[in-house]
PDB file of N, CA and C in Angstrom:
ATOM      1  N   UNK A   1    -163.616-123.860 -59.966  1.00  0.00           N
ATOM      2  CA  UNK A   1    -164.276-124.907 -59.247  1.00  0.00           C
ATOM      3  C   UNK A   1    -163.252-126.023 -58.965  1.00  0.00           C
ATOM      4  N   UNK A   2    -163.185-126.469 -57.722  1.00  0.00           N
ATOM      5  CA  UNK A   2    -162.224-127.501 -57.342  1.00  0.00           C
ATOM      6  C   UNK A   2    -162.895-128.879 -57.330  1.00  0.00           C
ATOM      7  N   UNK A   3    -162.093-129.924 -57.521  1.00  0.00           N
ATOM      8  CA  UNK A   3    -162.687-131.269 -57.487  1.00  0.00           C
ATOM      9  C   UNK A   3    -163.168-131.608 -56.077  1.00  0.00           C
ATOM     10  N   UNK A   4    -164.071-132.564 -55.997  1.00  0.00           N
ATOM     11  CA  UNK A   4    -164.639-132.927 -54.702  1.00  0.00           C
ATOM     12  C   UNK A   4    -163.609-133.583 -53.784  1.00  0.00           C
ATOM     13  N   UNK A   5    -162.745-134.364 -54.343  1.00  0.00           N
ATOM     14  CA  UNK A   5    -161.688-134.971 -53.531  1.00  0.00           C
ATOM     15  C   UNK A   5    -160.389-135.005 -54.335  1.00  0.00           C
ATOM     16  N   UNK A   6    -159.283-134.944 -53.619  1.00  0.00           N
ATOM     17  CA  UNK A   6    -157.980-134.957 -54.267  1.00  0.00           C
ATOM     18  C   UNK A   6    -157.610-136.400 -54.571  1.00  0.00           C
ATOM     19  N   UNK A   7    -157.194-136.652 -55.784  1.00  0.00           N
ATOM     20  CA  UNK A   7    -156.812-137.994 -56.195  1.00  0.00           C
ATOM     21  C   UNK A   7    -155.294-138.118 -56.083  1.00  0.00           C
ATOM     22  N   UNK A   8    -154.861-139.176 -55.417  1.00  0.00           N
ATOM     23  CA  UNK A   8    -153.433-139.418 -55.244  1.00  0.00           C
ATOM     24  C   UNK A   8    -152.928-140.211 -56.442  1.00  0.00           C
ATOM     25  N   UNK A   9    -152.228-139.518 -57.348  1.00  0.00           N
ATOM     26  CA  UNK A   9    -151.711-140.182 -58.535  1.00  0.00           C
ATOM     27  C   UNK A   9    -150.332-140.792 -58.306  1.00  0.00           C
ATOM     28  N   UNK A  10    -149.614-140.320 -57.310  1.00  0.00           N
ATOM     29  CA  UNK A  10    -148.252-140.793 -57.097  1.00  0.00           C
ATOM     30  C   UNK A  10    -148.189-141.587 -55.796  1.00  0.00           C
ATOM     31  N   UNK A  11    -148.500-142.875 -55.851  1.00  0.00           N
ATOM     32  CA  UNK A  11    -148.552-143.719 -54.654  1.00  0.00           C
ATOM     33  C   UNK A  11    -147.171-143.899 -54.017  1.00  0.00           C
ATOM     34  N   UNK A  12    -146.103-143.878 -54.831  1.00  0.00           N
ATOM     35  CA  UNK A  12    -144.758-144.059 -54.263  1.00  0.00           C
ATOM     36  C   UNK A  12    -144.367-142.877 -53.390  1.00  0.00           C
ATOM     37  N   UNK A  13    -144.868-141.699 -53.695  1.00  0.00           N
ATOM     38  CA  UNK A  13    -144.479-140.510 -52.936  1.00  0.00           C
ATOM     39  C   UNK A  13    -145.418-140.257 -51.764  1.00  0.00           C
ATOM     40  N   UNK A  14    -146.714-140.411 -51.968  1.00  0.00           N
ATOM     41  CA  UNK A  14    -147.678-139.980 -50.960  1.00  0.00           C
ATOM     42  C   UNK A  14    -148.378-141.097 -50.201  1.00  0.00           C
ATOM     43  N   UNK A  15    -148.378-142.309 -50.658  1.00  0.00           N
ATOM     44  CA  UNK A  15    -149.204-143.301 -49.996  1.00  0.00           C
ATOM     45  C   UNK A  15    -148.389-144.439 -49.434  1.00  0.00           C
ATOM     46  N   UNK A  16    -148.858-145.281 -48.629  1.00  0.00           N
ATOM     47  CA  UNK A  16    -150.153-145.342 -47.987  1.00  0.00           C
ATOM     48  C   UNK A  16    -150.222-144.484 -46.730  1.00  0.00           C
ATOM     49  N   UNK A  17    -149.086-144.132 -46.140  1.00  0.00           N
ATOM     50  CA  UNK A  17    -149.086-143.268 -44.957  1.00  0.00           C
ATOM     51  C   UNK A  17    -148.794-141.836 -45.373  1.00  0.00           C
ATOM     52  N   UNK A  18    -148.334-141.022 -44.441  1.00  0.00           N
ATOM     53  CA  UNK A  18    -148.003-139.635 -44.790  1.00  0.00           C
ATOM     54  C   UNK A  18    -146.942-139.557 -45.893  1.00  0.00           C
ATOM     55  N   UNK A  19    -145.926-140.392 -45.807  1.00  0.00           N
ATOM     56  CA  UNK A  19    -144.890-140.440 -46.837  1.00  0.00           C
ATOM     57  C   UNK A  19    -144.461-141.899 -46.973  1.00  0.00           C
ATOM     58  N   UNK A  20    -144.449-142.391 -48.178  1.00  0.00           N
ATOM     59  CA  UNK A  20    -144.004-143.766 -48.399  1.00  0.00           C
ATOM     60  C   UNK A  20    -142.499-143.743 -48.626  1.00  0.00           C
ATOM     61  N   UNK A  21    -141.753-143.996 -47.575  1.00  0.00           N
ATOM     62  CA  UNK A  21    -140.296-144.002 -47.703  1.00  0.00           C
ATOM     63  C   UNK A  21    -139.880-145.373 -48.207  1.00  0.00           C
ATOM     64  N   UNK A  22    -139.367-145.422 -49.417  1.00  0.00           N
ATOM     65  CA  UNK A  22    -138.942-146.682 -50.009  1.00  0.00           C
ATOM     66  C   UNK A  22    -137.423-146.721 -50.005  1.00  0.00           C
ATOM     67  N   UNK A  23    -136.829-147.410 -49.040  1.00  0.00           N
ATOM     68  CA  UNK A  23    -135.372-147.414 -48.951  1.00  0.00           C
ATOM     69  C   UNK A  23    -134.718-148.199 -50.079  1.00  0.00           C
ATOM     70  N   UNK A  24    -133.540-147.789 -50.426  1.00  0.00           N
ATOM     71  CA  UNK A  24    -132.749-148.525 -51.410  1.00  0.00           C
ATOM     72  C   UNK A  24    -132.242-149.808 -50.774  1.00  0.00           C
ATOM     73  N   UNK A  25    -131.831-150.721 -51.590  1.00  0.00           N
ATOM     74  CA  UNK A  25    -131.338-151.993 -51.055  1.00  0.00           C
ATOM     75  C   UNK A  25    -129.897-151.841 -50.577  1.00  0.00           C
ATOM     76  N   UNK A  26    -129.502-152.701 -49.657  1.00  0.00           N
ATOM     77  CA  UNK A  26    -128.122-152.725 -49.181  1.00  0.00           C
ATOM     78  C   UNK A  26    -127.770-151.550 -48.298  1.00  0.00           C
ATOM     79  N   UNK A  27    -126.514-151.160 -48.350  1.00  0.00           N
ATOM     80  CA  UNK A  27    -126.001-150.105 -47.462  1.00  0.00           C
ATOM     81  C   UNK A  27    -126.570-148.734 -47.806  1.00  0.00           C
ATOM     82  N   UNK A  28    -126.993-148.530 -49.048  1.00  0.00           N
ATOM     83  CA  UNK A  28    -127.522-147.228 -49.465  1.00  0.00           C
ATOM     84  C   UNK A  28    -128.822-146.881 -48.751  1.00  0.00           C
ATOM     85  N   UNK A  29    -129.584-147.875 -48.303  1.00  0.00           N
ATOM     86  CA  UNK A  29    -130.844-147.625 -47.624  1.00  0.00           C
ATOM     87  C   UNK A  29    -130.776-147.840 -46.131  1.00  0.00           C
ATOM     88  N   UNK A  30    -129.585-147.838 -45.580  1.00  0.00           N
ATOM     89  CA  UNK A  30    -129.405-148.155 -44.150  1.00  0.00           C
ATOM     90  C   UNK A  30    -130.192-147.215 -43.251  1.00  0.00           C
ATOM     91  N   UNK A  31    -130.059-145.918 -43.440  1.00  0.00           N
ATOM     92  CA  UNK A  31    -130.738-144.947 -42.582  1.00  0.00           C
ATOM     93  C   UNK A  31    -132.220-144.825 -42.941  1.00  0.00           C
ATOM     94  N   UNK A  32    -132.585-145.063 -44.192  1.00  0.00           N
ATOM     95  CA  UNK A  32    -133.977-144.918 -44.623  1.00  0.00           C
ATOM     96  C   UNK A  32    -134.866-146.011 -44.045  1.00  0.00           C
ATOM     97  N   UNK A  33    -134.302-147.157 -43.680  1.00  0.00           N
ATOM     98  CA  UNK A  33    -135.103-148.233 -43.100  1.00  0.00           C
ATOM     99  C   UNK A  33    -135.412-147.995 -41.627  1.00  0.00           C
ATOM    100  N   UNK A  34    -134.765-147.015 -41.017  1.00  0.00           N
ATOM    101  CA  UNK A  34    -134.985-146.731 -39.592  1.00  0.00           C
ATOM    102  C   UNK A  34    -136.119-145.717 -39.442  1.00  0.00           C
ATOM    103  N   UNK A  35    -136.683-145.616 -38.239  1.00  0.00           N
ATOM    104  CA  UNK A  35    -137.615-144.516 -37.977  1.00  0.00           C
ATOM    105  C   UNK A  35    -136.884-143.177 -38.194  1.00  0.00           C
ATOM    106  N   UNK A  36    -137.607-142.120 -38.592  1.00  0.00           N
ATOM    107  CA  UNK A  36    -136.944-140.875 -38.991  1.00  0.00           C
ATOM    108  C   UNK A  36    -135.962-140.297 -37.966  1.00  0.00           C
ATOM    109  N   UNK A  37    -136.358-140.177 -36.706  1.00  0.00           N
ATOM    110  CA  UNK A  37    -135.472-139.581 -35.708  1.00  0.00           C
ATOM    111  C   UNK A  37    -134.254-140.459 -35.452  1.00  0.00           C
ATOM    112  N   UNK A  38    -134.450-141.756 -35.388  1.00  0.00           N
ATOM    113  CA  UNK A  38    -133.324-142.659 -35.169  1.00  0.00           C
ATOM    114  C   UNK A  38    -132.380-142.641 -36.367  1.00  0.00           C
ATOM    115  N   UNK A  39    -132.915-142.613 -37.585  1.00  0.00           N
ATOM    116  CA  UNK A  39    -132.075-142.554 -38.784  1.00  0.00           C
ATOM    117  C   UNK A  39    -131.250-141.285 -38.823  1.00  0.00           C
ATOM    118  N   UNK A  40    -131.885-140.148 -38.500  1.00  0.00           N
ATOM    119  CA  UNK A  40    -131.159-138.878 -38.477  1.00  0.00           C
ATOM    120  C   UNK A  40    -130.076-138.900 -37.407  1.00  0.00           C
ATOM    121  N   UNK A  41    -130.417-139.404 -36.217  1.00  0.00           N
ATOM    122  CA  UNK A  41    -129.439-139.448 -35.125  1.00  0.00           C
ATOM    123  C   UNK A  41    -128.253-140.343 -35.478  1.00  0.00           C
ATOM    124  N   UNK A  42    -128.528-141.485 -36.078  1.00  0.00           N
ATOM    125  CA  UNK A  42    -127.439-142.393 -36.458  1.00  0.00           C
ATOM    126  C   UNK A  42    -126.564-141.772 -37.541  1.00  0.00           C
ATOM    127  N   UNK A  43    -127.188-141.099 -38.516  1.00  0.00           N
ATOM    128  CA  UNK A  43    -126.406-140.463 -39.575  1.00  0.00           C
ATOM    129  C   UNK A  43    -125.524-139.354 -38.997  1.00  0.00           C
ATOM    130  N   UNK A  44    -126.074-138.557 -38.082  1.00  0.00           N
ATOM    131  CA  UNK A  44    -125.287-137.490 -37.464  1.00  0.00           C
ATOM    132  C   UNK A  44    -124.149-138.064 -36.627  1.00  0.00           C
ATOM    133  N   UNK A  45    -124.427-139.106 -35.859  1.00  0.00           N
ATOM    134  CA  UNK A  45    -123.396-139.740 -35.035  1.00  0.00           C
ATOM    135  C   UNK A  45    -122.284-140.325 -35.893  1.00  0.00           C
ATOM    136  N   UNK A  46    -122.659-141.022 -36.953  1.00  0.00           N
ATOM    137  CA  UNK A  46    -121.646-141.604 -37.834  1.00  0.00           C
ATOM    138  C   UNK A  46    -120.831-140.514 -38.526  1.00  0.00           C
ATOM    139  N   UNK A  47    -121.465-139.411 -38.887  1.00  0.00           N
ATOM    140  CA  UNK A  47    -120.738-138.299 -39.501  1.00  0.00           C
ATOM    141  C   UNK A  47    -119.721-137.683 -38.560  1.00  0.00           C
ATOM    142  N   UNK A  48    -120.114-137.487 -37.301  1.00  0.00           N
ATOM    143  CA  UNK A  48    -119.193-136.910 -36.314  1.00  0.00           C
ATOM    144  C   UNK A  48    -118.021-137.859 -36.065  1.00  0.00           C
ATOM    145  N   UNK A  49    -118.308-139.139 -35.897  1.00  0.00           N
ATOM    146  CA  UNK A  49    -117.243-140.116 -35.654  1.00  0.00           C
ATOM    147  C   UNK A  49    -116.289-140.175 -36.842  1.00  0.00           C
ATOM    148  N   UNK A  50    -116.829-140.210 -38.045  1.00  0.00           N
ATOM    149  CA  UNK A  50    -115.986-140.245 -39.239  1.00  0.00           C
ATOM    150  C   UNK A  50    -115.143-138.972 -39.359  1.00  0.00           C
ATOM    151  N   UNK A  51    -115.750-137.819 -39.088  1.00  0.00           N
ATOM    152  CA  UNK A  51    -115.013-136.554 -39.142  1.00  0.00           C
ATOM    153  C   UNK A  51    -113.889-136.497 -38.124  1.00  0.00           C
ATOM    154  N   UNK A  52    -114.163-136.913 -36.897  1.00  0.00           N
ATOM    155  CA  UNK A  52    -113.117-136.923 -35.870  1.00  0.00           C
ATOM    156  C   UNK A  52    -111.997-137.898 -36.226  1.00  0.00           C
ATOM    157  N   UNK A  53    -112.377-139.063 -36.741  1.00  0.00           N
ATOM    158  CA  UNK A  53    -111.366-140.064 -37.114  1.00  0.00           C
ATOM    159  C   UNK A  53    -110.447-139.552 -38.213  1.00  0.00           C
ATOM    160  N   UNK A  54    -111.021-138.972 -39.243  1.00  0.00           N
ATOM    161  CA  UNK A  54    -110.214-138.452 -40.345  1.00  0.00           C
ATOM    162  C   UNK A  54    -109.361-137.269 -39.870  1.00  0.00           C
ATOM    163  N   UNK A  55    -109.945-136.416 -39.032  1.00  0.00           N
ATOM    164  CA  UNK A  55    -109.185-135.278 -38.498  1.00  0.00           C
ATOM    165  C   UNK A  55    -107.996-135.706 -37.651  1.00  0.00           C
ATOM    166  N   UNK A  56    -108.218-136.697 -36.798  1.00  0.00           N
ATOM    167  CA  UNK A  56    -107.123-137.192 -35.965  1.00  0.00           C
ATOM    168  C   UNK A  56    -106.057-137.877 -36.815  1.00  0.00           C
ATOM    169  N   UNK A  57    -106.462-138.632 -37.833  1.00  0.00           N
ATOM    170  CA  UNK A  57    -105.496-139.264 -38.731  1.00  0.00           C
ATOM    171  C   UNK A  57    -104.647-138.200 -39.425  1.00  0.00           C
ATOM    172  N   UNK A  58    -105.300-137.155 -39.922  1.00  0.00           N
ATOM    173  CA  UNK A  58    -104.579-136.079 -40.605  1.00  0.00           C
ATOM    174  C   UNK A  58    -103.596-135.400 -39.657  1.00  0.00           C
ATOM    175  N   UNK A  59    -104.050-135.111 -38.444  1.00  0.00           N
ATOM    176  CA  UNK A  59    -103.225-134.365 -37.483  1.00  0.00           C
ATOM    177  C   UNK A  59    -102.029-135.175 -37.000  1.00  0.00           C
ATOM    178  N   UNK A  60    -102.239-136.440 -36.654  1.00  0.00           N
ATOM    179  CA  UNK A  60    -101.176-137.190 -35.997  1.00  0.00           C
ATOM    180  C   UNK A  60    -100.367-138.095 -36.919  1.00  0.00           C
ATOM    181  N   UNK A  61    -100.935-138.535 -38.030  1.00  0.00           N
ATOM    182  CA  UNK A  61    -100.172-139.406 -38.928  1.00  0.00           C
ATOM    183  C   UNK A  61     -99.576-138.643 -40.106  1.00  0.00           C
ATOM    184  N   UNK A  62    -100.279-137.623 -40.588  1.00  0.00           N
ATOM    185  CA  UNK A  62     -99.710-136.803 -41.661  1.00  0.00           C
ATOM    186  C   UNK A  62     -98.991-135.600 -41.076  1.00  0.00           C
ATOM    187  N   UNK A  63     -99.258-135.283 -39.820  1.00  0.00           N
ATOM    188  CA  UNK A  63     -98.581-134.236 -39.054  1.00  0.00           C
ATOM    189  C   UNK A  63     -98.650-132.871 -39.718  1.00  0.00           C
ATOM    190  N   UNK A  64     -99.814-132.485 -40.170  1.00  0.00           N
ATOM    191  CA  UNK A  64    -100.031-131.156 -40.742  1.00  0.00           C
ATOM    192  C   UNK A  64     -98.925-130.751 -41.719  1.00  0.00           C
ATOM    193  N   UNK A  65     -99.010-131.117 -42.975  1.00  0.00           N
ATOM    194  CA  UNK A  65     -97.965-130.796 -43.948  1.00  0.00           C
ATOM    195  C   UNK A  65     -97.645-129.298 -44.014  1.00  0.00           C
ATOM    196  N   UNK A  66     -98.645-128.439 -43.876  1.00  0.00           N
ATOM    197  CA  UNK A  66     -98.381-126.993 -43.909  1.00  0.00           C
ATOM    198  C   UNK A  66     -97.543-126.556 -42.717  1.00  0.00           C
ATOM    199  N   UNK A  67     -97.848-127.092 -41.553  1.00  0.00           N
ATOM    200  CA  UNK A  67     -97.075-126.753 -40.360  1.00  0.00           C
ATOM    201  C   UNK A  67     -95.635-127.238 -40.495  1.00  0.00           C
ATOM    202  N   UNK A  68     -95.451-128.402 -41.089  1.00  0.00           N
ATOM    203  CA  UNK A  68     -94.091-128.914 -41.313  1.00  0.00           C
ATOM    204  C   UNK A  68     -93.283-127.944 -42.181  1.00  0.00           C
ATOM    205  N   UNK A  69     -93.899-127.428 -43.243  1.00  0.00           N
ATOM    206  CA  UNK A  69     -93.201-126.495 -44.135  1.00  0.00           C
ATOM    207  C   UNK A  69     -92.814-125.216 -43.404  1.00  0.00           C
ATOM    208  N   UNK A  70     -93.716-124.709 -42.565  1.00  0.00           N
ATOM    209  CA  UNK A  70     -93.433-123.479 -41.815  1.00  0.00           C
ATOM    210  C   UNK A  70     -92.294-123.717 -40.830  1.00  0.00           C
ATOM    211  N   UNK A  71     -92.343-124.839 -40.108  1.00  0.00           N
ATOM    212  CA  UNK A  71     -91.266-125.145 -39.152  1.00  0.00           C
ATOM    213  C   UNK A  71     -89.934-125.341 -39.865  1.00  0.00           C
ATOM    214  N   UNK A  72     -89.952-125.990 -41.024  1.00  0.00           N
ATOM    215  CA  UNK A  72     -88.721-126.182 -41.794  1.00  0.00           C
ATOM    216  C   UNK A  72     -88.160-124.835 -42.247  1.00  0.00           C
ATOM    217  N   UNK A  73     -89.008-123.913 -42.669  1.00  0.00           N
ATOM    218  CA  UNK A  73     -88.554-122.596 -43.099  1.00  0.00           C
ATOM    219  C   UNK A  73     -87.847-121.874 -41.950  1.00  0.00           C
ATOM    220  N   UNK A  74     -88.452-121.905 -40.748  1.00  0.00           N
ATOM    221  CA  UNK A  74     -87.840-121.194 -39.624  1.00  0.00           C
ATOM    222  C   UNK A  74     -86.584-121.890 -39.104  1.00  0.00           C
ATOM    223  N   UNK A  75     -86.449-123.206 -39.316  1.00  0.00           N
ATOM    224  CA  UNK A  75     -85.202-123.876 -38.971  1.00  0.00           C
ATOM    225  C   UNK A  75     -84.079-123.413 -39.898  1.00  0.00           C
ATOM    226  N   UNK A  76     -84.407-123.284 -41.183  1.00  0.00           N
ATOM    227  CA  UNK A  76     -83.411-122.847 -42.160  1.00  0.00           C
ATOM    228  C   UNK A  76     -83.135-121.352 -42.076  1.00  0.00           C
ATOM    229  N   UNK A  77     -84.126-120.565 -41.702  1.00  0.00           N
ATOM    230  CA  UNK A  77     -84.001-119.100 -41.610  1.00  0.00           C
ATOM    231  C   UNK A  77     -84.435-118.640 -40.216  1.00  0.00           C
ATOM    232  N   UNK A  78     -83.577-118.805 -39.209  1.00  0.00           N
ATOM    233  CA  UNK A  78     -83.981-118.430 -37.854  1.00  0.00           C
ATOM    234  C   UNK A  78     -84.236-116.919 -37.759  1.00  0.00           C
ATOM    235  N   UNK A  79     -85.224-116.545 -36.939  1.00  0.00           N
ATOM    236  CA  UNK A  79     -85.505-115.103 -36.759  1.00  0.00           C
ATOM    237  C   UNK A  79     -84.316-114.418 -36.086  1.00  0.00           C
ATOM    238  N   UNK A  80     -84.093-113.167 -36.407  1.00  0.00           N
ATOM    239  CA  UNK A  80     -82.941-112.442 -35.862  1.00  0.00           C
ATOM    240  C   UNK A  80     -83.308-111.682 -34.632  1.00  0.00           C
TER     241      UNK A  80
END
């Protein structure tokens, strides 16, 4: 036999709307304070920008350390 109505015991998780999103304070809750689609879009955009920035820094300022080693090897040992 089931109860007549479901009682919501966890108000932080389920109430008052479909999901009670309680964002953290400061920068940790930046995306959680936005509407869901906008928060997801901003997080994805920031991730892509950060990934491209780090990738470009690695490629052009560190100049691919593995590639440097390979080029140095072939300079010292030219193919015959």
